[in-house]
């Protein structure tokens, strides 16, 4: 009996490599997107600017200036406050004989006191040719060489025109000012219109005919 030869096993279907297949990348970095050099430089510049700003010394804040003080007549500036009555000195103006100290004091007064005092001063100069001026107790004083006979000063809301020997005048001025002597009399002027120039001139002439304060007795 004849023997059969074993059949050859069937060949496995092994897929052939395609000749046009693309080679796989050997490195994972090849597929990573490249970083923009411009963006990196911008970030570096920003970091350096921020670091320099932190190191830069802070500017010192300017301290607020203190409020201006009331300026004195000697400095030729306007006073900010005036007393209500004569309870000491009427102003910081220093005592001094002469026209200019009085003019400086008058310039230091606010309005309307300044305008009133200027009118009184002009009336005194017109009425009394030999007029002399000085500043005493923060007021403008006037005389003709026999002492100081009347004063003019700015107060809160008015100007006082005061005659040292007012009780001896005719008619006697209506106001007895506080702190200026028992014989003193005068008028309170709230505006230029309150000044009766004819009556004030008469009082000025009468006052200078009587020895004033600081003068020799006749």
Protein backbone atom coordinates (compact mmCIF):
# COMPACT_ATOMS: atom_id res chain seq x y z
CA UNK A 1 0.00 0.00 0.00
CA UNK A 2 1.46 3.30 -1.08
CA UNK A 3 2.05 6.06 1.51
CA UNK A 4 0.95 9.70 0.92
CA UNK A 5 3.31 12.54 1.47
CA UNK A 6 2.15 15.18 3.97
CA UNK A 7 0.83 18.34 2.42
CA UNK A 8 2.91 21.49 2.74
CA UNK A 9 1.52 24.05 5.13
CA UNK A 10 -0.08 27.04 3.52
CA UNK A 11 2.11 30.16 3.52
CA UNK A 12 1.06 32.92 5.90
CA UNK A 13 -0.14 36.16 4.39
CA UNK A 14 2.55 38.54 5.67
CA UNK A 15 1.88 42.13 4.57
CA UNK A 16 4.65 43.57 2.57
CA UNK A 17 6.08 46.89 3.39
CA UNK A 18 5.19 49.55 0.96
CA UNK A 19 8.09 51.12 -0.72
CA UNK A 20 6.55 54.57 -0.49
CA UNK A 21 5.76 54.41 3.20
CA UNK A 22 7.06 57.40 5.18
CA UNK A 23 9.64 56.78 7.82
CA UNK A 24 8.46 57.26 11.35
CA UNK A 25 10.16 60.09 13.23
CA UNK A 26 12.80 58.88 15.55
CA UNK A 27 12.68 61.93 17.86
CA UNK A 28 9.65 63.33 19.70
CA UNK A 29 11.06 66.85 19.61
CA UNK A 30 10.71 67.03 15.87
CA UNK A 31 6.95 67.32 16.12
CA UNK A 32 6.93 70.05 18.83
CA UNK A 33 5.97 73.59 17.67
CA UNK A 34 8.80 76.07 17.76
CA UNK A 35 8.55 78.99 20.21
CA UNK A 36 8.54 82.50 18.84
CA UNK A 37 11.79 84.28 19.65
CA UNK A 38 9.96 87.63 19.50
CA UNK A 39 7.54 86.65 22.27
CA UNK A 40 10.38 85.42 24.47
CA UNK A 41 12.28 88.66 24.05
CA UNK A 42 9.15 90.70 24.86
CA UNK A 43 8.59 88.73 28.07
CA UNK A 44 12.22 89.20 29.04
CA UNK A 45 12.05 92.95 28.44
CA UNK A 46 8.85 93.29 30.50
CA UNK A 47 10.42 91.39 33.37
CA UNK A 48 13.49 93.63 33.34
CA UNK A 49 11.32 96.80 33.29
CA UNK A 50 9.22 95.55 36.21
CA UNK A 51 12.34 94.62 38.17
CA UNK A 52 13.89 98.06 37.55
CA UNK A 53 10.66 99.75 38.65
CA UNK A 54 10.73 97.83 41.94
CA UNK A 55 14.32 98.82 42.60
CA UNK A 56 13.78 102.48 41.71
CA UNK A 57 13.49 104.69 44.85
CA UNK A 58 10.01 106.08 45.44
CA UNK A 59 9.58 109.79 44.95
CA UNK A 60 9.05 111.70 48.18
CA UNK A 61 5.58 113.16 48.55
CA UNK A 62 5.53 116.91 48.97
CA UNK A 63 4.37 117.96 52.39
CA UNK A 64 1.40 120.33 52.45
CA UNK A 65 2.38 123.90 53.16
CA UNK A 66 1.16 125.38 56.43
CA UNK A 67 -1.60 127.99 56.14
CA UNK A 68 -0.38 131.53 55.70
CA UNK A 69 -0.28 133.56 58.86
CA UNK A 70 -1.96 136.92 59.23
CA UNK A 71 0.47 139.34 57.64
CA UNK A 72 1.56 142.46 59.44
CA UNK A 73 1.32 146.07 58.41
CA UNK A 74 5.08 146.43 58.49
CA UNK A 75 5.24 143.86 55.67
CA UNK A 76 2.72 145.85 53.64
CA UNK A 77 0.20 143.01 53.48
CA UNK A 78 -3.46 142.74 54.36
CA UNK A 79 -4.51 141.68 57.86
CA UNK A 80 -6.93 138.76 57.98
CA UNK A 81 -8.57 139.56 61.33
CA UNK A 82 -9.38 142.76 63.19
CA UNK A 83 -10.31 143.22 66.87
CA UNK A 84 -13.85 144.09 67.87
CA UNK A 85 -12.68 146.71 70.39
CA UNK A 86 -9.53 148.26 71.84
CA UNK A 87 -8.53 145.60 74.37
CA UNK A 88 -4.77 145.88 73.97
CA UNK A 89 -3.16 146.47 70.59
CA UNK A 90 -5.36 147.09 67.59
CA UNK A 91 -2.87 145.48 65.18
CA UNK A 92 0.68 144.03 65.01
CA UNK A 93 1.97 147.31 63.50
CA UNK A 94 5.04 148.48 65.42
CA UNK A 95 5.14 151.85 67.15
CA UNK A 96 7.00 154.35 64.98
CA UNK A 97 6.86 158.05 64.18
CA UNK A 98 6.48 159.16 60.58
CA UNK A 99 4.15 159.19 57.61
CA UNK A 100 5.22 155.90 56.06
CA UNK A 101 4.45 153.70 59.11
CA UNK A 102 0.91 155.14 59.12
CA UNK A 103 0.52 154.64 55.37
CA UNK A 104 1.73 151.03 55.74
CA UNK A 105 -0.76 150.43 58.52
CA UNK A 106 -3.62 151.80 56.45
CA UNK A 107 -2.57 149.62 53.50
CA UNK A 108 -2.70 146.60 55.80
CA UNK A 109 -6.41 147.05 56.49
CA UNK A 110 -8.99 145.08 54.53
CA UNK A 111 -11.87 146.77 52.78
CA UNK A 112 -13.99 148.70 53.63
CA UNK A 113 -11.82 149.74 56.59
CA UNK A 114 -8.94 150.70 54.32
CA UNK A 115 -11.03 153.05 52.20
CA UNK A 116 -12.50 154.71 55.29
CA UNK A 117 -9.08 155.18 56.93
CA UNK A 118 -7.67 156.64 53.70
CA UNK A 119 -10.49 159.21 53.61
CA UNK A 120 -9.89 160.18 57.26
CA UNK A 121 -6.14 160.52 56.62
CA UNK A 122 -6.73 162.69 53.55
CA UNK A 123 -9.16 164.89 55.51
CA UNK A 124 -6.61 165.32 58.32
CA UNK A 125 -3.87 166.31 55.85
CA UNK A 126 -6.21 168.82 54.20
CA UNK A 127 -7.43 170.30 57.50
CA UNK A 128 -4.09 170.45 59.36
CA UNK A 129 -1.11 171.72 57.27
CA UNK A 130 1.38 170.93 60.05
CA UNK A 131 0.07 167.37 60.46
CA UNK A 132 2.33 164.76 62.03
CA UNK A 133 1.69 161.02 62.05
CA UNK A 134 2.76 157.99 64.07
CA UNK A 135 1.73 154.46 64.89
CA UNK A 136 0.96 153.72 68.57
CA UNK A 137 -0.82 150.70 70.07
CA UNK A 138 -1.44 149.42 66.54
CA UNK A 139 -3.36 152.55 65.48
CA UNK A 140 -2.67 155.62 63.36
CA UNK A 141 -2.26 158.72 65.57
CA UNK A 142 -2.28 162.35 64.46
CA UNK A 143 -1.09 165.64 65.96
CA UNK A 144 0.59 168.98 65.16
CA UNK A 145 3.60 168.94 67.48
CA UNK A 146 1.87 169.26 70.85
CA UNK A 147 1.28 165.58 71.35
CA UNK A 148 -1.10 163.17 69.65
CA UNK A 149 -4.65 164.44 69.48
CA UNK A 150 -6.76 161.85 67.66
CA UNK A 151 -6.48 158.33 66.30
CA UNK A 152 -7.89 156.29 63.46
CA UNK A 153 -7.95 152.50 63.51
CA UNK A 154 -9.57 149.54 61.80
CA UNK A 155 -11.80 147.22 63.83
CA UNK A 156 -14.19 144.41 62.99
CA UNK A 157 -16.91 145.93 60.82
CA UNK A 158 -15.91 149.57 61.29
CA UNK A 159 -13.22 152.23 61.73
CA UNK A 160 -12.88 154.20 64.95
CA UNK A 161 -12.08 157.91 64.74
CA UNK A 162 -11.24 158.76 68.35
CA UNK A 163 -10.30 162.07 70.00
CA UNK A 164 -8.21 161.78 73.16
CA UNK A 165 -9.78 164.90 74.76
CA UNK A 166 -13.16 164.24 73.23
CA UNK A 167 -15.13 165.40 76.25
CA UNK A 168 -13.72 168.90 75.65
CA UNK A 169 -14.99 169.13 72.06
CA UNK A 170 -18.15 170.83 70.87
CA UNK A 171 -20.35 168.96 70.24
CA UNK A 172 -19.01 165.99 72.14
CA UNK A 173 -18.57 163.01 69.80
CA UNK A 174 -21.21 160.35 70.55
CA UNK A 175 -19.14 157.19 71.12
CA UNK A 176 -17.10 156.43 74.27
CA UNK A 177 -14.61 153.80 73.02
CA UNK A 178 -13.57 150.90 75.24
CA UNK A 179 -9.98 150.91 76.48
CA UNK A 180 -8.98 154.37 75.19
CA UNK A 181 -9.33 156.57 78.27
CA UNK A 182 -12.26 158.09 80.14
CA UNK A 183 -12.01 161.41 78.26
CA UNK A 184 -11.90 159.80 74.83
CA UNK A 185 -14.84 160.21 72.50
CA UNK A 186 -15.29 159.53 68.81
CA UNK A 187 -17.39 158.01 66.05
CA UNK A 188 -17.64 154.53 64.56
CA UNK A 189 -17.59 154.58 60.76
CA UNK A 190 -18.96 151.53 58.93
CA UNK A 191 -18.61 153.11 55.49
CA UNK A 192 -17.13 156.18 53.82
CA UNK A 193 -20.64 157.64 53.67
CA UNK A 194 -20.77 157.67 57.48
CA UNK A 195 -17.95 160.25 57.62
CA UNK A 196 -19.32 163.76 58.08
CA UNK A 197 -16.24 165.58 56.79
CA UNK A 198 -17.35 169.04 57.92
CA UNK A 199 -17.98 167.91 61.49
CA UNK A 200 -14.86 165.71 61.59
CA UNK A 201 -12.69 168.59 60.35
CA UNK A 202 -14.12 170.83 63.08
CA UNK A 203 -13.27 168.23 65.73
CA UNK A 204 -9.74 167.87 64.32
CA UNK A 205 -9.12 171.63 64.60
CA UNK A 206 -10.49 171.75 68.15
CA UNK A 207 -8.49 168.66 69.19
CA UNK A 208 -5.17 170.07 67.95
CA UNK A 209 -5.81 173.33 69.86
CA UNK A 210 -5.65 171.28 73.08
CA UNK A 211 -2.38 169.68 74.24
CA UNK A 212 -2.42 166.07 73.14
CA UNK A 213 -1.05 162.91 74.68
CA UNK A 214 2.73 162.94 75.04
CA UNK A 215 3.02 166.71 74.54
CA UNK A 216 4.00 169.51 76.86
CA UNK A 217 1.31 171.21 78.89
CA UNK A 218 0.65 174.82 77.95
